[in-house]
Amino acid sequence: MLEPLDHKNLDQDVLYFADVVSTTENLAAYIWDSLQKRLPEGCLYKVKNL
């Protein structure tokens, strides 16, 4: 899940951020969307920035 983000310039290397400003809030939304696709429905309820 993190491989597309690892050691990348988000604004240049990650397609999602081509039209989205790479703020921590938008990064959390990207992670949420990515996790939600892989987990059973209703399993994900919170993403926490550490």
PDB file of N, CA and C in Angstrom:
ATOM      1  N   MET A   1       0.826  -1.187   0.000  1.00  0.00           N
ATOM      2  CA  MET A   1       0.000   0.000   0.000  1.00  0.00           C
ATOM      3  C   MET A   1       0.869   1.249   0.000  1.00  0.00           C
ATOM      4  N   LEU A   2       1.989   1.226   0.698  1.00  0.00           N
ATOM      5  CA  LEU A   2       2.837   2.410   0.769  1.00  0.00           C
ATOM      6  C   LEU A   2       3.843   2.509  -0.374  1.00  0.00           C
ATOM      7  N   GLU A   3       4.026   1.438  -1.114  1.00  0.00           N
ATOM      8  CA  GLU A   3       5.017   1.430  -2.191  1.00  0.00           C
ATOM      9  C   GLU A   3       4.835   2.581  -3.182  1.00  0.00           C
ATOM     10  N   PRO A   4       3.619   2.924  -3.589  1.00  0.00           N
ATOM     11  CA  PRO A   4       3.474   4.045  -4.530  1.00  0.00           C
ATOM     12  C   PRO A   4       3.931   5.386  -3.952  1.00  0.00           C
ATOM     13  N   LEU A   5       4.059   5.487  -2.625  1.00  0.00           N
ATOM     14  CA  LEU A   5       4.445   6.742  -1.980  1.00  0.00           C
ATOM     15  C   LEU A   5       5.899   6.753  -1.516  1.00  0.00           C
ATOM     16  N   ASP A   6       6.484   5.583  -1.336  1.00  0.00           N
ATOM     17  CA  ASP A   6       7.807   5.453  -0.730  1.00  0.00           C
ATOM     18  C   ASP A   6       8.897   6.089  -1.593  1.00  0.00           C
ATOM     19  N   HIS A   7       9.619   7.040  -1.003  1.00  0.00           N
ATOM     20  CA  HIS A   7      10.725   7.734  -1.667  1.00  0.00           C
ATOM     21  C   HIS A   7      10.288   8.407  -2.969  1.00  0.00           C
ATOM     22  N   LYS A   8       9.109   8.982  -2.961  1.00  0.00           N
ATOM     23  CA  LYS A   8       8.572   9.637  -4.156  1.00  0.00           C
ATOM     24  C   LYS A   8       8.320  11.116  -3.883  1.00  0.00           C
ATOM     25  N   ASN A   9       8.415  11.912  -4.932  1.00  0.00           N
ATOM     26  CA  ASN A   9       7.961  13.289  -4.893  1.00  0.00           C
ATOM     27  C   ASN A   9       6.470  13.220  -5.208  1.00  0.00           C
ATOM     28  N   LEU A  10       5.632  13.439  -4.220  1.00  0.00           N
ATOM     29  CA  LEU A  10       4.192  13.242  -4.395  1.00  0.00           C
ATOM     30  C   LEU A  10       3.636  14.051  -5.560  1.00  0.00           C
ATOM     31  N   ASP A  11       4.069  15.298  -5.678  1.00  0.00           N
ATOM     32  CA  ASP A  11       3.526  16.172  -6.715  1.00  0.00           C
ATOM     33  C   ASP A  11       3.917  15.732  -8.126  1.00  0.00           C
ATOM     34  N   GLN A  12       5.039  15.066  -8.269  1.00  0.00           N
ATOM     35  CA  GLN A  12       5.515  14.682  -9.598  1.00  0.00           C
ATOM     36  C   GLN A  12       5.343  13.203  -9.912  1.00  0.00           C
ATOM     37  N   ASP A  13       5.402  12.351  -8.895  1.00  0.00           N
ATOM     38  CA  ASP A  13       5.459  10.911  -9.137  1.00  0.00           C
ATOM     39  C   ASP A  13       4.173  10.144  -8.839  1.00  0.00           C
ATOM     40  N   VAL A  14       3.226  10.760  -8.146  1.00  0.00           N
ATOM     41  CA  VAL A  14       1.994  10.066  -7.764  1.00  0.00           C
ATOM     42  C   VAL A  14       0.830  10.713  -8.510  1.00  0.00           C
ATOM     43  N   LEU A  15       0.210   9.949  -9.393  1.00  0.00           N
ATOM     44  CA  LEU A  15      -0.850  10.471 -10.261  1.00  0.00           C
ATOM     45  C   LEU A  15      -1.968  11.161  -9.479  1.00  0.00           C
ATOM     46  N   TYR A  16      -2.345  10.623  -8.326  1.00  0.00           N
ATOM     47  CA  TYR A  16      -3.415  11.198  -7.503  1.00  0.00           C
ATOM     48  C   TYR A  16      -3.155  12.672  -7.205  1.00  0.00           C
ATOM     49  N   PHE A  17      -1.883  13.031  -6.994  1.00  0.00           N
ATOM     50  CA  PHE A  17      -1.536  14.392  -6.602  1.00  0.00           C
ATOM     51  C   PHE A  17      -1.251  15.312  -7.789  1.00  0.00           C
ATOM     52  N   ALA A  18      -1.519  14.851  -8.991  1.00  0.00           N
ATOM     53  CA  ALA A  18      -1.359  15.712 -10.160  1.00  0.00           C
ATOM     54  C   ALA A  18      -2.353  16.868 -10.116  1.00  0.00           C
ATOM     55  N   ASP A  19      -3.561  16.605  -9.592  1.00  0.00           N
ATOM     56  CA  ASP A  19      -4.611  17.628  -9.523  1.00  0.00           C
ATOM     57  C   ASP A  19      -5.008  17.963  -8.095  1.00  0.00           C
ATOM     58  N   VAL A  20      -4.286  17.401  -7.110  1.00  0.00           N
ATOM     59  CA  VAL A  20      -4.617  17.595  -5.695  1.00  0.00           C
ATOM     60  C   VAL A  20      -3.368  18.100  -4.987  1.00  0.00           C
ATOM     61  N   VAL A  21      -3.510  19.153  -4.183  1.00  0.00           N
ATOM     62  CA  VAL A  21      -2.378  19.678  -3.420  1.00  0.00           C
ATOM     63  C   VAL A  21      -1.955  18.634  -2.392  1.00  0.00           C
ATOM     64  N   SER A  22      -0.663  18.386  -2.278  1.00  0.00           N
ATOM     65  CA  SER A  22      -0.162  17.315  -1.403  1.00  0.00           C
ATOM     66  C   SER A  22      -0.016  17.776   0.055  1.00  0.00           C
ATOM     67  N   THR A  23      -1.147  18.059   0.684  1.00  0.00           N
ATOM     68  CA  THR A  23      -1.163  18.400   2.107  1.00  0.00           C
ATOM     69  C   THR A  23      -1.283  17.117   2.924  1.00  0.00           C
ATOM     70  N   THR A  24      -1.054  17.209   4.228  1.00  0.00           N
ATOM     71  CA  THR A  24      -1.207  16.020   5.073  1.00  0.00           C
ATOM     72  C   THR A  24      -2.650  15.537   5.064  1.00  0.00           C
ATOM     73  N   GLU A  25      -3.603  16.463   4.964  1.00  0.00           N
ATOM     74  CA  GLU A  25      -5.011  16.074   4.922  1.00  0.00           C
ATOM     75  C   GLU A  25      -5.314  15.279   3.655  1.00  0.00           C
ATOM     76  N   ASN A  26      -4.793  15.739   2.523  1.00  0.00           N
ATOM     77  CA  ASN A  26      -5.023  15.029   1.266  1.00  0.00           C
ATOM     78  C   ASN A  26      -4.246  13.720   1.213  1.00  0.00           C
ATOM     79  N   LEU A  27      -3.094  13.672   1.855  1.00  0.00           N
ATOM     80  CA  LEU A  27      -2.351  12.417   1.954  1.00  0.00           C
ATOM     81  C   LEU A  27      -3.144  11.406   2.775  1.00  0.00           C
ATOM     82  N   ALA A  28      -3.745  11.861   3.879  1.00  0.00           N
ATOM     83  CA  ALA A  28      -4.593  10.978   4.691  1.00  0.00           C
ATOM     84  C   ALA A  28      -5.786  10.484   3.875  1.00  0.00           C
ATOM     85  N   ALA A  29      -6.374  11.351   3.060  1.00  0.00           N
ATOM     86  CA  ALA A  29      -7.498  10.949   2.210  1.00  0.00           C
ATOM     87  C   ALA A  29      -7.053   9.906   1.184  1.00  0.00           C
ATOM     88  N   TYR A  30      -5.874  10.080   0.614  1.00  0.00           N
ATOM     89  CA  TYR A  30      -5.327   9.106  -0.341  1.00  0.00           C
ATOM     90  C   TYR A  30      -5.130   7.752   0.331  1.00  0.00           C
ATOM     91  N   ILE A  31      -4.545   7.767   1.531  1.00  0.00           N
ATOM     92  CA  ILE A  31      -4.312   6.524   2.269  1.00  0.00           C
ATOM     93  C   ILE A  31      -5.640   5.871   2.628  1.00  0.00           C
ATOM     94  N   TRP A  32      -6.609   6.672   3.074  1.00  0.00           N
ATOM     95  CA  TRP A  32      -7.944   6.162   3.402  1.00  0.00           C
ATOM     96  C   TRP A  32      -8.548   5.447   2.191  1.00  0.00           C
ATOM     97  N   ASP A  33      -8.543   6.123   1.051  1.00  0.00           N
ATOM     98  CA  ASP A  33      -9.125   5.538  -0.164  1.00  0.00           C
ATOM     99  C   ASP A  33      -8.417   4.240  -0.552  1.00  0.00           C
ATOM    100  N   SER A  34      -7.095   4.238  -0.441  1.00  0.00           N
ATOM    101  CA  SER A  34      -6.325   3.045  -0.798  1.00  0.00           C
ATOM    102  C   SER A  34      -6.624   1.885   0.141  1.00  0.00           C
ATOM    103  N   LEU A  35      -6.692   2.168   1.441  1.00  0.00           N
ATOM    104  CA  LEU A  35      -6.988   1.119   2.420  1.00  0.00           C
ATOM    105  C   LEU A  35      -8.416   0.616   2.286  1.00  0.00           C
ATOM    106  N   GLN A  36      -9.339   1.545   2.074  1.00  0.00           N
ATOM    107  CA  GLN A  36     -10.760   1.186   1.993  1.00  0.00           C
ATOM    108  C   GLN A  36     -11.015   0.193   0.856  1.00  0.00           C
ATOM    109  N   LYS A  37     -10.260   0.302  -0.223  1.00  0.00           N
ATOM    110  CA  LYS A  37     -10.420  -0.614  -1.359  1.00  0.00           C
ATOM    111  C   LYS A  37      -9.949  -2.025  -1.024  1.00  0.00           C
ATOM    112  N   ARG A  38      -9.048  -2.152  -0.035  1.00  0.00           N
ATOM    113  CA  ARG A  38      -8.439  -3.446   0.274  1.00  0.00           C
ATOM    114  C   ARG A  38      -9.041  -4.133   1.497  1.00  0.00           C
ATOM    115  N   LEU A  39      -9.800  -3.405   2.297  1.00  0.00           N
ATOM    116  CA  LEU A  39     -10.353  -3.958   3.535  1.00  0.00           C
ATOM    117  C   LEU A  39     -11.841  -4.266   3.376  1.00  0.00           C
ATOM    118  N   PRO A  40     -12.367  -5.172   4.194  1.00  0.00           N
ATOM    119  CA  PRO A  40     -13.807  -5.437   4.159  1.00  0.00           C
ATOM    120  C   PRO A  40     -14.601  -4.166   4.487  1.00  0.00           C
ATOM    121  N   GLU A  41     -15.773  -4.058   3.899  1.00  0.00           N
ATOM    122  CA  GLU A  41     -16.625  -2.886   4.115  1.00  0.00           C
ATOM    123  C   GLU A  41     -16.919  -2.696   5.598  1.00  0.00           C
ATOM    124  N   GLY A  42     -16.814  -1.457   6.062  1.00  0.00           N
ATOM    125  CA  GLY A  42     -17.108  -1.124   7.455  1.00  0.00           C
ATOM    126  C   GLY A  42     -15.959  -1.372   8.411  1.00  0.00           C
ATOM    127  N   CYS A  43     -14.859  -1.908   7.922  1.00  0.00           N
ATOM    128  CA  CYS A  43     -13.721  -2.236   8.779  1.00  0.00           C
ATOM    129  C   CYS A  43     -12.902  -0.993   9.131  1.00  0.00           C
ATOM    130  N   LEU A  44     -12.779  -0.062   8.202  1.00  0.00           N
ATOM    131  CA  LEU A  44     -11.960   1.130   8.388  1.00  0.00           C
ATOM    132  C   LEU A  44     -12.826   2.271   8.905  1.00  0.00           C
ATOM    133  N   TYR A  45     -12.403   2.868  10.018  1.00  0.00           N
ATOM    134  CA  TYR A  45     -13.167   3.987  10.550  1.00  0.00           C
ATOM    135  C   TYR A  45     -12.303   5.185  10.892  1.00  0.00           C
ATOM    136  N   LYS A  46     -10.978   5.057  10.850  1.00  0.00           N
ATOM    137  CA  LYS A  46     -10.122   6.171  11.228  1.00  0.00           C
ATOM    138  C   LYS A  46      -8.718   5.975  10.666  1.00  0.00           C
ATOM    139  N   VAL A  47      -8.127   7.075  10.178  1.00  0.00           N
ATOM    140  CA  VAL A  47      -6.719   7.107   9.800  1.00  0.00           C
ATOM    141  C   VAL A  47      -6.083   8.175  10.657  1.00  0.00           C
ATOM    142  N   LYS A  48      -4.987   7.842  11.317  1.00  0.00           N
ATOM    143  CA  LYS A  48      -4.340   8.778  12.241  1.00  0.00           C
ATOM    144  C   LYS A  48      -2.942   9.120  11.741  1.00  0.00           C
ATOM    145  N   ASN A  49      -2.659  10.424  11.635  1.00  0.00           N
ATOM    146  CA  ASN A  49      -1.308  10.879  11.298  1.00  0.00           C
ATOM    147  C   ASN A  49      -0.442  10.792  12.539  1.00  0.00           C
ATOM    148  N   LEU A  50       0.708  10.188  12.414  1.00  0.00           N
ATOM    149  CA  LEU A  50       1.643  10.087  13.538  1.00  0.00           C
ATOM    150  C   LEU A  50       2.832  10.980  13.344  1.00  0.00           C
TER     151      LEU A  50
END
